[in-house]
Amino acid sequence: RAGSVAVRLLDDFEGVLQADGYSGYSAVCTANSITRIGCWDHTRRKFVEADKSADSKAKAKKGTVSKTDVALSYIRKLYRVESNIADKTDEERLKARQEISVPILNEFKQWLDKNAGKVMKGGALKKAIDYTLNQWSYLIGYCERGDLMISNIMAENAIRPFAIGRKNWLFADTRKGAEASAACYSLIETAKANNLDPQAYIKHILDHIAVADTLEKLEALLPWNVELG
């Protein structure tokens, strides 16, 4: 979680970084002119937690809707747009986001500004609202392009098996074990992301790595450079 790790990992990176509100990314993104966008799954999660918390039970008076319900309703609208345009081209997605999502975002921002000072300080809802406002410039970034996603849930889903299982894997209780498992998982998940069968890809690596005696030959074994018959 150290900021120095983010700097090391992203030092020569160019492109778009999509992540939660972790402050460790700020310095390297600024220094390297990396485009940073936020993740609406992380934001939604905070409002879901607020809805389950004790202070949200001050839900509203009978016959009215709670503030957490209102916030989650806005977020559901944003996701509904994404669901409807999932199979569209990048140009079509950008057009839909500008025409449909941006007005929803503008309305949501006005609601957040209006209600930020009306909720209990220190409460889960206050934290959710403050987080959303603090991350706002990143959260709206996906609407600037058609090829970006509303959240980084695909990356989270890719690492979930590792995150859930790591406490049970004894070989990962040392630094070398953790590094070895991270390398294996990176190869397997990247193979999946490039539409390769992981087992066939690992076999391909084992069949060819013994003669990969140059950097070019090693790079040829990376998932995005491999075509399996």
C-alpha atoms as a PDB file:
ATOM      1  CA  ARG A   1       0.000   0.000   0.000  1.00  0.00           C
ATOM      2  CA  ALA A   2       3.009   2.306  -0.055  1.00  0.00           C
ATOM      3  CA  GLY A   3       2.971   5.096  -2.614  1.00  0.00           C
ATOM      4  CA  SER A   4       6.470   4.033  -3.673  1.00  0.00           C
ATOM      5  CA  VAL A   5       5.025   0.751  -4.977  1.00  0.00           C
ATOM      6  CA  ALA A   6       2.609   2.627  -7.228  1.00  0.00           C
ATOM      7  CA  VAL A   7       5.506   4.719  -8.533  1.00  0.00           C
ATOM      8  CA  ARG A   8       7.558   1.596  -9.284  1.00  0.00           C
ATOM      9  CA  LEU A   9       4.714  -0.219 -11.005  1.00  0.00           C
ATOM     10  CA  LEU A  10       3.583   2.753 -13.097  1.00  0.00           C
ATOM     11  CA  ASP A  11       6.919   4.432 -13.718  1.00  0.00           C
ATOM     12  CA  ASP A  12       6.958   3.848 -17.497  1.00  0.00           C
ATOM     13  CA  PHE A  13       3.221   3.350 -17.923  1.00  0.00           C
ATOM     14  CA  GLU A  14       1.275   5.369 -20.471  1.00  0.00           C
ATOM     15  CA  GLY A  15      -2.485   5.215 -20.735  1.00  0.00           C
ATOM     16  CA  VAL A  16      -5.446   5.098 -18.402  1.00  0.00           C
ATOM     17  CA  LEU A  17      -5.390   3.962 -14.786  1.00  0.00           C
ATOM     18  CA  GLN A  18      -8.747   2.969 -13.335  1.00  0.00           C
ATOM     19  CA  ALA A  19      -8.738   2.484  -9.586  1.00  0.00           C
ATOM     20  CA  ASP A  20     -10.383   3.342  -6.292  1.00  0.00           C
ATOM     21  CA  GLY A  21      -9.580   6.464  -4.303  1.00  0.00           C
ATOM     22  CA  TYR A  22      -6.199   5.274  -3.008  1.00  0.00           C
ATOM     23  CA  SER A  23      -4.042   8.401  -2.711  1.00  0.00           C
ATOM     24  CA  GLY A  24      -0.800   6.552  -3.510  1.00  0.00           C
ATOM     25  CA  TYR A  25      -1.536   6.845  -7.230  1.00  0.00           C
ATOM     26  CA  SER A  26      -1.736  10.630  -7.258  1.00  0.00           C
ATOM     27  CA  ALA A  27       1.943  11.539  -7.463  1.00  0.00           C
ATOM     28  CA  VAL A  28       2.923   9.163 -10.265  1.00  0.00           C
ATOM     29  CA  CYS A  29      -0.214   9.938 -12.280  1.00  0.00           C
ATOM     30  CA  THR A  30       0.575  13.640 -12.110  1.00  0.00           C
ATOM     31  CA  ALA A  31       4.285  13.188 -12.843  1.00  0.00           C
ATOM     32  CA  ASN A  32       3.745  10.835 -15.793  1.00  0.00           C
ATOM     33  CA  SER A  33       0.603  12.493 -17.162  1.00  0.00           C
ATOM     34  CA  ILE A  34      -1.366   9.262 -16.696  1.00  0.00           C
ATOM     35  CA  THR A  35      -5.096   9.613 -17.230  1.00  0.00           C
ATOM     36  CA  ARG A  36      -6.798   8.447 -14.047  1.00  0.00           C
ATOM     37  CA  ILE A  37     -10.456   7.505 -13.812  1.00  0.00           C
ATOM     38  CA  GLY A  38     -12.518   6.265 -10.902  1.00  0.00           C
ATOM     39  CA  CYS A  39     -14.501   3.130 -10.235  1.00  0.00           C
ATOM     40  CA  TRP A  40     -18.240   3.339  -9.618  1.00  0.00           C
ATOM     41  CA  ASP A  41     -18.307  -0.119  -8.019  1.00  0.00           C
ATOM     42  CA  HIS A  42     -16.210   1.208  -5.145  1.00  0.00           C
ATOM     43  CA  THR A  43     -18.498   4.202  -4.816  1.00  0.00           C
ATOM     44  CA  ARG A  44     -21.662   2.111  -4.906  1.00  0.00           C
ATOM     45  CA  ARG A  45     -20.214  -0.221  -2.274  1.00  0.00           C
ATOM     46  CA  LYS A  46     -19.848   2.666   0.155  1.00  0.00           C
ATOM     47  CA  PHE A  47     -23.517   3.620  -0.220  1.00  0.00           C
ATOM     48  CA  VAL A  48     -24.569  -0.021   0.177  1.00  0.00           C
ATOM     49  CA  GLU A  49     -22.553  -0.149   3.404  1.00  0.00           C
ATOM     50  CA  ALA A  50     -24.183   3.097   4.502  1.00  0.00           C
ATOM     51  CA  ASP A  51     -27.603   1.621   3.829  1.00  0.00           C
ATOM     52  CA  LYS A  52     -26.810  -1.291   6.124  1.00  0.00           C
ATOM     53  CA  SER A  53     -25.359   0.876   8.868  1.00  0.00           C
ATOM     54  CA  ALA A  54     -27.104   1.985  12.002  1.00  0.00           C
ATOM     55  CA  ASP A  55     -27.197   5.689  11.123  1.00  0.00           C
ATOM     56  CA  SER A  56     -29.099   4.949   7.931  1.00  0.00           C
ATOM     57  CA  LYS A  57     -31.920   3.523   9.938  1.00  0.00           C
ATOM     58  CA  ALA A  58     -32.746   7.181  10.632  1.00  0.00           C
ATOM     59  CA  LYS A  59     -34.160   6.470   7.220  1.00  0.00           C
ATOM     60  CA  ALA A  60     -36.597   8.847   6.521  1.00  0.00           C
ATOM     61  CA  LYS A  61     -39.910   9.659   7.872  1.00  0.00           C
ATOM     62  CA  LYS A  62     -42.714   7.364   6.926  1.00  0.00           C
ATOM     63  CA  GLY A  63     -43.676   7.645   3.281  1.00  0.00           C
ATOM     64  CA  THR A  64     -40.364   9.190   2.143  1.00  0.00           C
ATOM     65  CA  VAL A  65     -37.222   7.711   0.630  1.00  0.00           C
ATOM     66  CA  SER A  66     -33.909   7.521   2.477  1.00  0.00           C
ATOM     67  CA  LYS A  67     -30.882   9.431   1.204  1.00  0.00           C
ATOM     68  CA  THR A  68     -28.972   6.189   0.630  1.00  0.00           C
ATOM     69  CA  ASP A  69     -31.826   4.942  -1.552  1.00  0.00           C
ATOM     70  CA  VAL A  70     -31.712   8.145  -3.588  1.00  0.00           C
ATOM     71  CA  ALA A  71     -27.944   7.889  -4.105  1.00  0.00           C
ATOM     72  CA  LEU A  72     -28.141   4.227  -5.088  1.00  0.00           C
ATOM     73  CA  SER A  73     -30.968   5.061  -7.480  1.00  0.00           C
ATOM     74  CA  TYR A  74     -28.729   7.512  -9.347  1.00  0.00           C
ATOM     75  CA  ILE A  75     -25.952   4.932  -9.542  1.00  0.00           C
ATOM     76  CA  ARG A  76     -28.343   2.250 -10.802  1.00  0.00           C
ATOM     77  CA  LYS A  77     -29.375   4.605 -13.606  1.00  0.00           C
ATOM     78  CA  LEU A  78     -25.741   4.966 -14.658  1.00  0.00           C
ATOM     79  CA  TYR A  79     -25.264   1.211 -14.721  1.00  0.00           C
ATOM     80  CA  ARG A  80     -28.501   0.737 -16.653  1.00  0.00           C
ATOM     81  CA  VAL A  81     -27.128   2.982 -19.385  1.00  0.00           C
ATOM     82  CA  GLU A  82     -23.972   0.884 -19.539  1.00  0.00           C
ATOM     83  CA  SER A  83     -25.990  -2.320 -19.738  1.00  0.00           C
ATOM     84  CA  ASN A  84     -27.997  -0.941 -22.649  1.00  0.00           C
ATOM     85  CA  ILE A  85     -24.926   0.101 -24.647  1.00  0.00           C
ATOM     86  CA  ALA A  86     -22.652  -2.839 -23.848  1.00  0.00           C
ATOM     87  CA  ASP A  87     -22.752  -4.201 -27.396  1.00  0.00           C
ATOM     88  CA  LYS A  88     -22.393  -0.814 -29.122  1.00  0.00           C
ATOM     89  CA  THR A  89     -19.289   0.618 -30.779  1.00  0.00           C
ATOM     90  CA  ASP A  90     -16.979   2.981 -28.898  1.00  0.00           C
ATOM     91  CA  GLU A  91     -18.424   5.922 -30.838  1.00  0.00           C
ATOM     92  CA  GLU A  92     -21.999   4.906 -29.978  1.00  0.00           C
ATOM     93  CA  ARG A  93     -21.119   4.417 -26.311  1.00  0.00           C
ATOM     94  CA  LEU A  94     -19.499   7.836 -26.123  1.00  0.00           C
ATOM     95  CA  LYS A  95     -22.558   9.447 -27.714  1.00  0.00           C
ATOM     96  CA  ALA A  96     -24.935   7.683 -25.290  1.00  0.00           C
ATOM     97  CA  ARG A  97     -22.829   8.622 -22.283  1.00  0.00           C
ATOM     98  CA  GLN A  98     -22.726  12.255 -23.290  1.00  0.00           C
ATOM     99  CA  GLU A  99     -26.442  12.399 -24.012  1.00  0.00           C
ATOM    100  CA  ILE A 100     -27.789  10.213 -21.177  1.00  0.00           C
ATOM    101  CA  SER A 101     -25.177   9.595 -18.485  1.00  0.00           C
ATOM    102  CA  VAL A 102     -23.772  13.117 -18.208  1.00  0.00           C
ATOM    103  CA  PRO A 103     -27.168  14.673 -17.332  1.00  0.00           C
ATOM    104  CA  ILE A 104     -27.675  11.963 -14.682  1.00  0.00           C
ATOM    105  CA  LEU A 105     -24.218  12.695 -13.291  1.00  0.00           C
ATOM    106  CA  ASN A 106     -24.899  16.428 -13.211  1.00  0.00           C
ATOM    107  CA  GLU A 107     -28.137  15.871 -11.321  1.00  0.00           C
ATOM    108  CA  PHE A 108     -26.446  13.461  -8.910  1.00  0.00           C
ATOM    109  CA  LYS A 109     -23.652  15.972  -8.251  1.00  0.00           C
ATOM    110  CA  GLN A 110     -26.187  18.666  -7.390  1.00  0.00           C
ATOM    111  CA  TRP A 111     -27.892  16.250  -5.008  1.00  0.00           C
ATOM    112  CA  LEU A 112     -24.577  15.354  -3.344  1.00  0.00           C
ATOM    113  CA  ASP A 113     -23.620  19.015  -2.890  1.00  0.00           C
ATOM    114  CA  LYS A 114     -27.034  19.784  -1.436  1.00  0.00           C
ATOM    115  CA  ASN A 115     -27.027  16.890   1.032  1.00  0.00           C
ATOM    116  CA  ALA A 116     -23.374  16.733   2.080  1.00  0.00           C
ATOM    117  CA  GLY A 117     -24.023  19.063   4.996  1.00  0.00           C
ATOM    118  CA  LYS A 118     -27.335  17.500   5.991  1.00  0.00           C
ATOM    119  CA  VAL A 119     -26.118  14.104   7.167  1.00  0.00           C
ATOM    120  CA  MET A 120     -24.510  13.064  10.430  1.00  0.00           C
ATOM    121  CA  LYS A 121     -20.788  13.742  10.646  1.00  0.00           C
ATOM    122  CA  GLY A 122     -18.746  10.578  11.060  1.00  0.00           C
ATOM    123  CA  GLY A 123     -21.570   8.414   9.803  1.00  0.00           C
ATOM    124  CA  ALA A 124     -21.320   5.913   6.959  1.00  0.00           C
ATOM    125  CA  LEU A 125     -23.528   7.996   4.680  1.00  0.00           C
ATOM    126  CA  LYS A 126     -21.417  11.098   5.268  1.00  0.00           C
ATOM    127  CA  LYS A 127     -18.295   9.094   4.405  1.00  0.00           C
ATOM    128  CA  ALA A 128     -19.933   7.765   1.237  1.00  0.00           C
ATOM    129  CA  ILE A 129     -20.978  11.237   0.098  1.00  0.00           C
ATOM    130  CA  ASP A 130     -17.576  12.764   0.894  1.00  0.00           C
ATOM    131  CA  TYR A 131     -15.782   9.946  -0.925  1.00  0.00           C
ATOM    132  CA  THR A 132     -17.942  10.454  -4.006  1.00  0.00           C
ATOM    133  CA  LEU A 133     -17.399  14.210  -4.050  1.00  0.00           C
ATOM    134  CA  ASN A 134     -13.648  13.863  -3.483  1.00  0.00           C
ATOM    135  CA  GLN A 135     -13.380  11.373  -6.350  1.00  0.00           C
ATOM    136  CA  TRP A 136     -15.834  13.156  -8.647  1.00  0.00           C
ATOM    137  CA  SER A 137     -13.358  14.335 -11.284  1.00  0.00           C
ATOM    138  CA  TYR A 138     -12.149  10.732 -11.649  1.00  0.00           C
ATOM    139  CA  LEU A 139     -15.588   9.137 -11.482  1.00  0.00           C
ATOM    140  CA  ILE A 140     -16.918  11.087 -14.461  1.00  0.00           C
ATOM    141  CA  GLY A 141     -13.844  10.285 -16.562  1.00  0.00           C
ATOM    142  CA  TYR A 142     -15.334   7.238 -18.234  1.00  0.00           C
ATOM    143  CA  CYS A 143     -17.830   9.483 -20.022  1.00  0.00           C
ATOM    144  CA  GLU A 144     -15.048  11.234 -21.923  1.00  0.00           C
ATOM    145  CA  ARG A 145     -14.388   8.165 -24.075  1.00  0.00           C
ATOM    146  CA  GLY A 146     -16.315   5.234 -25.454  1.00  0.00           C
ATOM    147  CA  ASP A 147     -13.709   2.551 -24.820  1.00  0.00           C
ATOM    148  CA  LEU A 148     -13.541   2.973 -21.040  1.00  0.00           C
ATOM    149  CA  MET A 149     -15.582   1.119 -18.431  1.00  0.00           C
ATOM    150  CA  ILE A 150     -17.751   2.465 -15.623  1.00  0.00           C
ATOM    151  CA  SER A 151     -15.785   0.385 -13.105  1.00  0.00           C
ATOM    152  CA  ASN A 152     -12.755  -1.888 -12.818  1.00  0.00           C
ATOM    153  CA  ILE A 153     -14.884  -4.842 -11.744  1.00  0.00           C
ATOM    154  CA  MET A 154     -13.350  -7.013 -14.490  1.00  0.00           C
ATOM    155  CA  ALA A 155      -9.928  -6.638 -12.889  1.00  0.00           C
ATOM    156  CA  GLU A 156     -11.372  -7.291  -9.439  1.00  0.00           C
ATOM    157  CA  ASN A 157     -13.110 -10.425 -10.668  1.00  0.00           C
ATOM    158  CA  ALA A 158      -9.839 -11.619 -12.199  1.00  0.00           C
ATOM    159  CA  ILE A 159      -7.949 -11.399  -8.893  1.00  0.00           C
ATOM    160  CA  ARG A 160     -10.820 -12.517  -6.646  1.00  0.00           C
ATOM    161  CA  PRO A 161      -9.877 -16.235  -6.611  1.00  0.00           C
ATOM    162  CA  PHE A 162      -6.365 -15.313  -5.532  1.00  0.00           C
ATOM    163  CA  ALA A 163      -7.549 -12.813  -2.923  1.00  0.00           C
ATOM    164  CA  ILE A 164     -10.004 -15.309  -1.432  1.00  0.00           C
ATOM    165  CA  GLY A 165      -7.652 -18.268  -1.442  1.00  0.00           C
ATOM    166  CA  ARG A 166      -4.294 -16.761  -0.513  1.00  0.00           C
ATOM    167  CA  LYS A 167      -4.728 -17.242   3.247  1.00  0.00           C
ATOM    168  CA  ASN A 168      -5.111 -20.973   2.703  1.00  0.00           C
ATOM    169  CA  TRP A 169      -2.051 -21.461   0.509  1.00  0.00           C
ATOM    170  CA  LEU A 170       0.910 -22.230   2.710  1.00  0.00           C
ATOM    171  CA  PHE A 171       3.496 -21.632  -0.020  1.00  0.00           C
ATOM    172  CA  ALA A 172       2.466 -17.967  -0.174  1.00  0.00           C
ATOM    173  CA  ASP A 173       3.478 -17.248   3.426  1.00  0.00           C
ATOM    174  CA  THR A 174       6.944 -16.161   2.282  1.00  0.00           C
ATOM    175  CA  ARG A 175       7.983 -13.360  -0.036  1.00  0.00           C
ATOM    176  CA  LYS A 176       9.317 -15.760  -2.689  1.00  0.00           C
ATOM    177  CA  GLY A 177       6.151 -17.851  -2.536  1.00  0.00           C
ATOM    178  CA  ALA A 178       3.991 -14.763  -2.924  1.00  0.00           C
ATOM    179  CA  GLU A 179       6.069 -13.525  -5.859  1.00  0.00           C
ATOM    180  CA  ALA A 180       5.886 -16.924  -7.568  1.00  0.00           C
ATOM    181  CA  SER A 181       2.119 -17.161  -7.168  1.00  0.00           C
ATOM    182  CA  ALA A 182       1.697 -13.563  -8.376  1.00  0.00           C
ATOM    183  CA  ALA A 183       3.702 -14.375 -11.522  1.00  0.00           C
ATOM    184  CA  CYS A 184       1.619 -17.492 -12.220  1.00  0.00           C
ATOM    185  CA  TYR A 185      -1.675 -15.713 -11.682  1.00  0.00           C
ATOM    186  CA  SER A 186      -0.596 -12.776 -13.820  1.00  0.00           C
ATOM    187  CA  LEU A 187       0.203 -15.089 -16.734  1.00  0.00           C
ATOM    188  CA  ILE A 188      -3.013 -17.086 -16.378  1.00  0.00           C
ATOM    189  CA  GLU A 189      -5.347 -14.112 -16.018  1.00  0.00           C
ATOM    190  CA  THR A 190      -3.612 -12.220 -18.838  1.00  0.00           C
ATOM    191  CA  ALA A 191      -3.980 -15.294 -21.042  1.00  0.00           C
ATOM    192  CA  LYS A 192      -7.721 -15.293 -20.282  1.00  0.00           C
ATOM    193  CA  ALA A 193      -7.925 -11.583 -21.084  1.00  0.00           C
ATOM    194  CA  ASN A 194      -6.348 -12.326 -24.478  1.00  0.00           C
ATOM    195  CA  ASN A 195      -8.805 -15.161 -25.198  1.00  0.00           C
ATOM    196  CA  LEU A 196      -6.233 -17.928 -24.735  1.00  0.00           C
ATOM    197  CA  ASP A 197      -6.907 -21.211 -22.991  1.00  0.00           C
ATOM    198  CA  PRO A 198      -4.700 -20.948 -19.843  1.00  0.00           C
ATOM    199  CA  GLN A 199      -3.657 -24.610 -19.855  1.00  0.00           C
ATOM    200  CA  ALA A 200      -2.731 -24.540 -23.541  1.00  0.00           C
ATOM    201  CA  TYR A 201      -0.873 -21.244 -23.037  1.00  0.00           C
ATOM    202  CA  ILE A 202       1.191 -22.555 -20.101  1.00  0.00           C
ATOM    203  CA  LYS A 203       2.067 -25.643 -22.181  1.00  0.00           C
ATOM    204  CA  HIS A 204       3.126 -23.339 -25.024  1.00  0.00           C
ATOM    205  CA  ILE A 205       5.440 -21.451 -22.656  1.00  0.00           C
ATOM    206  CA  LEU A 206       6.992 -24.651 -21.285  1.00  0.00           C
ATOM    207  CA  ASP A 207       7.529 -25.956 -24.825  1.00  0.00           C
ATOM    208  CA  HIS A 208       9.359 -22.823 -25.985  1.00  0.00           C
ATOM    209  CA  ILE A 209      10.959 -21.062 -23.025  1.00  0.00           C
ATOM    210  CA  ALA A 210      14.090 -23.226 -23.028  1.00  0.00           C
ATOM    211  CA  VAL A 211      15.169 -21.708 -26.355  1.00  0.00           C
ATOM    212  CA  ALA A 212      14.017 -18.166 -25.533  1.00  0.00           C
ATOM    213  CA  ASP A 213      17.549 -16.828 -25.071  1.00  0.00           C
ATOM    214  CA  THR A 214      16.885 -13.226 -26.135  1.00  0.00           C
ATOM    215  CA  LEU A 215      14.550 -10.516 -24.922  1.00  0.00           C
ATOM    216  CA  GLU A 216      12.682 -10.636 -28.237  1.00  0.00           C
ATOM    217  CA  LYS A 217      12.050 -14.361 -27.891  1.00  0.00           C
ATOM    218  CA  LEU A 218      10.817 -13.924 -24.331  1.00  0.00           C
ATOM    219  CA  GLU A 219       8.484 -11.113 -25.366  1.00  0.00           C
ATOM    220  CA  ALA A 220       7.124 -13.363 -28.126  1.00  0.00           C
ATOM    221  CA  LEU A 221       5.848 -15.679 -25.369  1.00  0.00           C
ATOM    222  CA  LEU A 222       3.714 -12.992 -23.722  1.00  0.00           C
ATOM    223  CA  PRO A 223      -0.036 -13.664 -24.024  1.00  0.00           C
ATOM    224  CA  TRP A 224      -0.816 -10.835 -26.438  1.00  0.00           C
ATOM    225  CA  ASN A 225       1.911 -12.080 -28.828  1.00  0.00           C
ATOM    226  CA  VAL A 226       0.809 -15.717 -28.914  1.00  0.00           C
ATOM    227  CA  GLU A 227      -1.613 -17.372 -31.285  1.00  0.00           C
ATOM    228  CA  LEU A 228      -2.590 -20.912 -30.366  1.00  0.00           C
ATOM    229  CA  GLY A 229      -3.940 -23.216 -33.029  1.00  0.00           C
END
